[in-house]
Amino acid sequence: MASAISPTGAVLAGRHGAGTLSLAAADPAGHAALATNWTAHERACADVGRDADRTGMCLAYPPEGFGATSERLVDGRIDPAALVTGEAGLGGLDAAFASLRRPEEHIEVLIRPGLAGAGVSAV
């Protein structure tokens, strides 16, 4: 269910077991509403006996934002290394995706094909 700033879409998604799509995540007001909307989604899920699942939450950003982000990466205003919180080899793909479903564990996991093991290592 899609929403912009009001939690209506997040509440309906919780009631019906659907994912959420925040269309205004790049807007300051929309970004500020994300936590409130997620809390409303969690309450709606609980009201019908469901667990809220962040893997079903998507944020939409306008294409022009990607260009600005690329420029910041190129000129050094954003350090991409600071975004990588773990690394895994090909044998750790399942563990990497599982850890990314738990945002308290990792933000980005870098996949290094030559890295041995089946887990995710902190960076």
N, C-alpha and C. Protein backbone atom coordinates (compact mmCIF):
# COMPACT_ATOMS: atom_id res chain seq x y z
N MET A 1 0.85 -1.17 0.00
CA MET A 1 0.00 0.00 0.00
C MET A 1 0.90 1.23 0.00
N ALA A 2 0.56 2.19 -0.79
CA ALA A 2 1.37 3.40 -0.91
C ALA A 2 0.85 4.49 0.01
N SER A 3 1.79 5.30 0.49
CA SER A 3 1.43 6.47 1.27
C SER A 3 2.46 7.55 1.00
N ALA A 4 2.13 8.76 1.35
CA ALA A 4 3.08 9.86 1.21
C ALA A 4 3.48 10.33 2.61
N ILE A 5 2.66 11.16 3.21
CA ILE A 5 3.00 11.68 4.53
C ILE A 5 2.04 11.13 5.59
N SER A 6 0.77 10.98 5.25
CA SER A 6 -0.18 10.44 6.22
C SER A 6 0.06 8.95 6.39
N PRO A 7 -0.30 8.39 7.53
CA PRO A 7 -0.08 6.95 7.77
C PRO A 7 -1.18 6.05 7.21
N THR A 8 -2.10 6.58 6.43
CA THR A 8 -3.23 5.78 5.96
C THR A 8 -2.78 4.53 5.21
N GLY A 9 -1.87 4.67 4.26
CA GLY A 9 -1.39 3.51 3.50
C GLY A 9 -0.69 2.50 4.39
N ALA A 10 0.10 2.98 5.35
CA ALA A 10 0.81 2.08 6.26
C ALA A 10 -0.16 1.30 7.14
N VAL A 11 -1.22 1.95 7.58
CA VAL A 11 -2.24 1.28 8.41
C VAL A 11 -2.97 0.23 7.58
N LEU A 12 -3.38 0.58 6.37
CA LEU A 12 -4.08 -0.39 5.52
C LEU A 12 -3.18 -1.58 5.19
N ALA A 13 -1.91 -1.32 4.94
CA ALA A 13 -0.97 -2.42 4.67
C ALA A 13 -0.88 -3.35 5.87
N GLY A 14 -0.84 -2.79 7.07
CA GLY A 14 -0.80 -3.61 8.27
C GLY A 14 -2.04 -4.45 8.45
N ARG A 15 -3.18 -3.87 8.20
CA ARG A 15 -4.46 -4.60 8.35
C ARG A 15 -4.59 -5.75 7.35
N HIS A 16 -4.04 -5.55 6.14
CA HIS A 16 -4.25 -6.52 5.07
C HIS A 16 -3.02 -7.35 4.75
N GLY A 17 -1.95 -7.21 5.53
CA GLY A 17 -0.76 -8.03 5.31
C GLY A 17 0.03 -7.67 4.07
N ALA A 18 -0.04 -6.42 3.66
CA ALA A 18 0.67 -5.97 2.47
C ALA A 18 1.94 -5.20 2.85
N GLY A 19 2.81 -5.02 1.89
CA GLY A 19 3.99 -4.20 2.09
C GLY A 19 3.63 -2.73 2.02
N THR A 20 4.56 -1.87 2.42
CA THR A 20 4.34 -0.43 2.39
C THR A 20 5.28 0.22 1.38
N LEU A 21 4.82 1.26 0.74
CA LEU A 21 5.62 2.04 -0.19
C LEU A 21 5.48 3.50 0.19
N SER A 22 6.57 4.11 0.63
CA SER A 22 6.55 5.52 0.99
C SER A 22 6.96 6.33 -0.22
N LEU A 23 6.02 7.07 -0.79
CA LEU A 23 6.27 7.84 -2.00
C LEU A 23 6.94 9.18 -1.73
N ALA A 24 6.98 9.62 -0.50
CA ALA A 24 7.52 10.94 -0.18
C ALA A 24 8.79 10.85 0.67
N ALA A 25 9.51 9.74 0.60
CA ALA A 25 10.69 9.56 1.46
C ALA A 25 11.75 10.62 1.23
N ALA A 26 11.85 11.15 0.01
CA ALA A 26 12.87 12.15 -0.29
C ALA A 26 12.44 13.56 0.12
N ASP A 27 11.17 13.75 0.36
CA ASP A 27 10.66 15.05 0.80
C ASP A 27 10.91 15.18 2.30
N PRO A 28 11.36 16.34 2.78
CA PRO A 28 11.62 16.47 4.23
C PRO A 28 10.43 16.10 5.10
N ALA A 29 9.23 16.48 4.71
CA ALA A 29 8.04 16.14 5.51
C ALA A 29 7.77 14.64 5.45
N GLY A 30 7.95 14.04 4.28
CA GLY A 30 7.76 12.60 4.14
C GLY A 30 8.79 11.81 4.91
N HIS A 31 10.04 12.27 4.84
CA HIS A 31 11.10 11.59 5.59
C HIS A 31 10.83 11.68 7.09
N ALA A 32 10.39 12.84 7.55
CA ALA A 32 10.09 13.02 8.97
C ALA A 32 8.94 12.13 9.42
N ALA A 33 8.05 11.76 8.50
CA ALA A 33 6.88 10.95 8.85
C ALA A 33 7.17 9.45 8.85
N LEU A 34 8.34 9.02 8.38
CA LEU A 34 8.61 7.59 8.25
C LEU A 34 8.45 6.84 9.58
N ALA A 35 9.02 7.34 10.65
CA ALA A 35 8.94 6.64 11.94
C ALA A 35 7.50 6.57 12.44
N THR A 36 6.76 7.66 12.30
CA THR A 36 5.36 7.68 12.72
C THR A 36 4.54 6.69 11.89
N ASN A 37 4.78 6.66 10.59
CA ASN A 37 4.04 5.75 9.72
C ASN A 37 4.39 4.30 10.03
N TRP A 38 5.67 4.03 10.32
CA TRP A 38 6.04 2.65 10.65
C TRP A 38 5.39 2.22 11.96
N THR A 39 5.34 3.11 12.93
CA THR A 39 4.69 2.80 14.21
C THR A 39 3.21 2.51 13.98
N ALA A 40 2.56 3.29 13.13
CA ALA A 40 1.15 3.05 12.81
C ALA A 40 0.98 1.69 12.12
N HIS A 41 1.91 1.34 11.25
CA HIS A 41 1.88 0.04 10.58
C HIS A 41 2.03 -1.09 11.60
N GLU A 42 2.98 -0.95 12.52
CA GLU A 42 3.18 -1.98 13.56
C GLU A 42 1.92 -2.17 14.40
N ARG A 43 1.28 -1.07 14.78
CA ARG A 43 0.03 -1.16 15.57
C ARG A 43 -1.07 -1.87 14.79
N ALA A 44 -1.21 -1.51 13.51
CA ALA A 44 -2.25 -2.14 12.68
C ALA A 44 -1.99 -3.63 12.52
N CYS A 45 -0.74 -4.01 12.36
CA CYS A 45 -0.40 -5.43 12.28
C CYS A 45 -0.76 -6.14 13.59
N ALA A 46 -0.38 -5.55 14.70
CA ALA A 46 -0.66 -6.15 16.00
C ALA A 46 -2.17 -6.29 16.24
N ASP A 47 -2.94 -5.32 15.78
CA ASP A 47 -4.39 -5.37 15.96
C ASP A 47 -5.03 -6.59 15.30
N VAL A 48 -4.41 -7.08 14.23
CA VAL A 48 -4.96 -8.25 13.53
C VAL A 48 -4.09 -9.50 13.72
N GLY A 49 -3.17 -9.44 14.68
CA GLY A 49 -2.37 -10.61 15.01
C GLY A 49 -1.23 -10.91 14.06
N ARG A 50 -0.72 -9.91 13.36
CA ARG A 50 0.41 -10.10 12.44
C ARG A 50 1.65 -9.43 13.02
N ASP A 51 2.80 -9.94 12.62
CA ASP A 51 4.06 -9.28 12.94
C ASP A 51 4.39 -8.33 11.80
N ALA A 52 4.82 -7.12 12.13
CA ALA A 52 5.26 -6.18 11.10
C ALA A 52 6.61 -6.64 10.56
N ASP A 53 6.80 -6.55 9.26
CA ASP A 53 8.01 -7.05 8.61
C ASP A 53 8.63 -5.93 7.77
N ARG A 54 9.78 -5.43 8.21
CA ARG A 54 10.44 -4.32 7.49
C ARG A 54 10.89 -4.70 6.09
N THR A 55 11.00 -5.98 5.80
CA THR A 55 11.43 -6.35 4.44
C THR A 55 10.36 -6.00 3.41
N GLY A 56 9.15 -5.72 3.85
CA GLY A 56 8.09 -5.32 2.94
C GLY A 56 7.93 -3.82 2.83
N MET A 57 8.86 -3.07 3.43
CA MET A 57 8.80 -1.61 3.41
C MET A 57 9.74 -1.08 2.32
N CYS A 58 9.21 -0.29 1.41
CA CYS A 58 10.02 0.28 0.33
C CYS A 58 9.90 1.80 0.37
N LEU A 59 11.00 2.46 0.05
CA LEU A 59 11.02 3.91 -0.02
C LEU A 59 11.26 4.32 -1.47
N ALA A 60 10.48 5.25 -1.96
CA ALA A 60 10.62 5.72 -3.34
C ALA A 60 11.33 7.07 -3.33
N TYR A 61 12.32 7.19 -4.18
CA TYR A 61 13.08 8.42 -4.32
C TYR A 61 13.02 8.86 -5.78
N PRO A 62 12.98 10.17 -6.03
CA PRO A 62 12.95 10.64 -7.42
C PRO A 62 14.30 10.38 -8.10
N PRO A 63 14.29 10.10 -9.39
CA PRO A 63 15.54 9.78 -10.11
C PRO A 63 16.62 10.86 -9.98
N GLU A 64 16.23 12.12 -9.88
CA GLU A 64 17.23 13.18 -9.78
C GLU A 64 18.05 13.08 -8.49
N GLY A 65 17.53 12.42 -7.49
CA GLY A 65 18.28 12.23 -6.25
C GLY A 65 19.49 11.32 -6.43
N PHE A 66 19.40 10.38 -7.37
CA PHE A 66 20.51 9.47 -7.59
C PHE A 66 21.70 10.20 -8.18
N GLY A 67 21.45 11.16 -9.07
CA GLY A 67 22.55 11.94 -9.64
C GLY A 67 23.27 12.75 -8.58
N ALA A 68 22.51 13.38 -7.70
CA ALA A 68 23.12 14.17 -6.63
C ALA A 68 23.93 13.29 -5.69
N THR A 69 23.42 12.10 -5.40
CA THR A 69 24.15 11.17 -4.54
C THR A 69 25.44 10.72 -5.22
N SER A 70 25.37 10.42 -6.51
CA SER A 70 26.58 10.02 -7.25
C SER A 70 27.63 11.12 -7.21
N GLU A 71 27.21 12.36 -7.39
CA GLU A 71 28.15 13.49 -7.33
C GLU A 71 28.81 13.57 -5.96
N ARG A 72 28.04 13.38 -4.91
CA ARG A 72 28.59 13.44 -3.55
C ARG A 72 29.59 12.30 -3.30
N LEU A 73 29.32 11.15 -3.87
CA LEU A 73 30.26 10.02 -3.75
C LEU A 73 31.56 10.33 -4.49
N VAL A 74 31.44 10.86 -5.70
CA VAL A 74 32.61 11.15 -6.53
C VAL A 74 33.48 12.24 -5.90
N ASP A 75 32.86 13.29 -5.39
CA ASP A 75 33.67 14.39 -4.86
C ASP A 75 34.06 14.22 -3.39
N GLY A 76 33.69 13.09 -2.80
CA GLY A 76 34.16 12.77 -1.45
C GLY A 76 33.30 13.27 -0.30
N ARG A 77 32.16 13.89 -0.59
CA ARG A 77 31.30 14.35 0.51
C ARG A 77 30.61 13.19 1.22
N ILE A 78 30.46 12.07 0.53
CA ILE A 78 29.94 10.85 1.15
C ILE A 78 31.02 9.80 1.06
N ASP A 79 31.36 9.20 2.20
CA ASP A 79 32.35 8.12 2.24
C ASP A 79 31.61 6.80 2.12
N PRO A 80 31.69 6.11 0.97
CA PRO A 80 30.94 4.87 0.81
C PRO A 80 31.39 3.78 1.79
N ALA A 81 32.62 3.82 2.22
CA ALA A 81 33.10 2.81 3.17
C ALA A 81 32.32 2.88 4.48
N ALA A 82 31.86 4.05 4.84
CA ALA A 82 31.12 4.20 6.10
C ALA A 82 29.75 3.52 6.03
N LEU A 83 29.26 3.26 4.83
CA LEU A 83 27.95 2.63 4.67
C LEU A 83 28.03 1.11 4.76
N VAL A 84 29.20 0.55 4.50
CA VAL A 84 29.37 -0.91 4.50
C VAL A 84 29.64 -1.36 5.94
N THR A 85 28.76 -2.21 6.46
CA THR A 85 28.89 -2.66 7.84
C THR A 85 29.27 -4.13 7.95
N GLY A 86 29.30 -4.83 6.81
CA GLY A 86 29.67 -6.24 6.83
C GLY A 86 30.15 -6.68 5.47
N GLU A 87 30.77 -7.86 5.44
CA GLU A 87 31.18 -8.43 4.17
C GLU A 87 31.01 -9.94 4.22
N ALA A 88 30.80 -10.52 3.05
CA ALA A 88 30.58 -11.97 2.95
C ALA A 88 31.07 -12.45 1.59
N GLY A 89 31.44 -13.71 1.54
CA GLY A 89 31.77 -14.35 0.27
C GLY A 89 30.51 -14.91 -0.36
N LEU A 90 30.67 -15.57 -1.51
CA LEU A 90 29.49 -16.14 -2.18
C LEU A 90 28.81 -17.19 -1.30
N GLY A 91 29.57 -17.88 -0.47
CA GLY A 91 28.98 -18.85 0.44
C GLY A 91 28.17 -18.21 1.55
N GLY A 92 28.31 -16.92 1.72
CA GLY A 92 27.58 -16.20 2.76
C GLY A 92 26.41 -15.39 2.27
N LEU A 93 26.00 -15.60 1.02
CA LEU A 93 24.88 -14.82 0.47
C LEU A 93 23.60 -14.97 1.29
N ASP A 94 23.26 -16.19 1.66
CA ASP A 94 22.04 -16.39 2.46
C ASP A 94 22.13 -15.64 3.78
N ALA A 95 23.28 -15.73 4.43
CA ALA A 95 23.47 -15.04 5.71
C ALA A 95 23.43 -13.53 5.51
N ALA A 96 23.99 -13.05 4.40
CA ALA A 96 23.99 -11.60 4.13
C ALA A 96 22.57 -11.08 3.98
N PHE A 97 21.76 -11.77 3.17
CA PHE A 97 20.38 -11.32 2.98
C PHE A 97 19.58 -11.43 4.28
N ALA A 98 19.83 -12.46 5.05
CA ALA A 98 19.12 -12.60 6.33
C ALA A 98 19.49 -11.45 7.27
N SER A 99 20.77 -11.09 7.31
CA SER A 99 21.19 -10.00 8.21
C SER A 99 20.64 -8.66 7.76
N LEU A 100 20.47 -8.46 6.46
CA LEU A 100 19.92 -7.20 5.96
C LEU A 100 18.43 -7.05 6.27
N ARG A 101 17.77 -8.14 6.60
CA ARG A 101 16.36 -8.06 7.03
C ARG A 101 16.25 -7.58 8.47
N ARG A 102 17.38 -7.52 9.15
CA ARG A 102 17.44 -7.04 10.53
C ARG A 102 18.29 -5.77 10.54
N PRO A 103 17.66 -4.60 10.38
CA PRO A 103 18.42 -3.36 10.22
C PRO A 103 19.32 -3.02 11.40
N GLU A 104 19.09 -3.63 12.54
CA GLU A 104 19.99 -3.37 13.67
C GLU A 104 21.33 -4.09 13.48
N GLU A 105 21.40 -5.03 12.54
CA GLU A 105 22.64 -5.78 12.29
C GLU A 105 23.51 -5.13 11.23
N HIS A 106 22.95 -4.86 10.06
CA HIS A 106 23.76 -4.34 8.96
C HIS A 106 22.98 -3.35 8.11
N ILE A 107 23.74 -2.39 7.54
CA ILE A 107 23.17 -1.43 6.59
C ILE A 107 23.44 -1.91 5.17
N GLU A 108 24.69 -2.22 4.90
CA GLU A 108 25.11 -2.74 3.60
C GLU A 108 26.11 -3.86 3.83
N VAL A 109 25.98 -4.93 3.10
CA VAL A 109 26.94 -6.03 3.16
C VAL A 109 27.62 -6.12 1.79
N LEU A 110 28.92 -5.98 1.79
CA LEU A 110 29.71 -6.06 0.56
C LEU A 110 29.98 -7.53 0.26
N ILE A 111 29.66 -7.97 -0.95
CA ILE A 111 29.91 -9.36 -1.35
C ILE A 111 31.27 -9.41 -2.04
N ARG A 112 32.17 -10.22 -1.46
CA ARG A 112 33.51 -10.42 -2.01
C ARG A 112 33.60 -11.87 -2.45
N PRO A 113 33.52 -12.14 -3.76
CA PRO A 113 33.47 -13.52 -4.25
C PRO A 113 34.61 -14.41 -3.75
N GLY A 114 35.79 -13.89 -3.52
CA GLY A 114 36.92 -14.71 -3.09
C GLY A 114 36.97 -14.96 -1.59
N LEU A 115 36.08 -14.38 -0.83
CA LEU A 115 36.08 -14.52 0.62
C LEU A 115 35.49 -15.87 1.01
N ALA A 116 36.20 -16.63 1.84
CA ALA A 116 35.72 -17.94 2.25
C ALA A 116 34.71 -17.81 3.40
N GLY A 117 33.92 -18.84 3.59
CA GLY A 117 33.00 -18.90 4.71
C GLY A 117 31.56 -18.73 4.29
N ALA A 118 30.67 -19.04 5.24
CA ALA A 118 29.24 -18.99 4.97
C ALA A 118 28.54 -17.91 5.78
N GLY A 119 29.29 -17.06 6.47
CA GLY A 119 28.67 -16.05 7.32
C GLY A 119 28.99 -14.65 6.86
N VAL A 120 28.59 -13.69 7.68
CA VAL A 120 28.85 -12.27 7.43
C VAL A 120 29.83 -11.80 8.51
N SER A 121 30.89 -11.14 8.07
CA SER A 121 31.87 -10.60 9.00
C SER A 121 31.66 -9.09 9.13
N ALA A 122 31.78 -8.59 10.34
CA ALA A 122 31.68 -7.14 10.55
C ALA A 122 32.90 -6.47 9.95
N VAL A 123 32.72 -5.28 9.46
CA VAL A 123 33.83 -4.51 8.85
C VAL A 123 34.34 -3.53 9.88
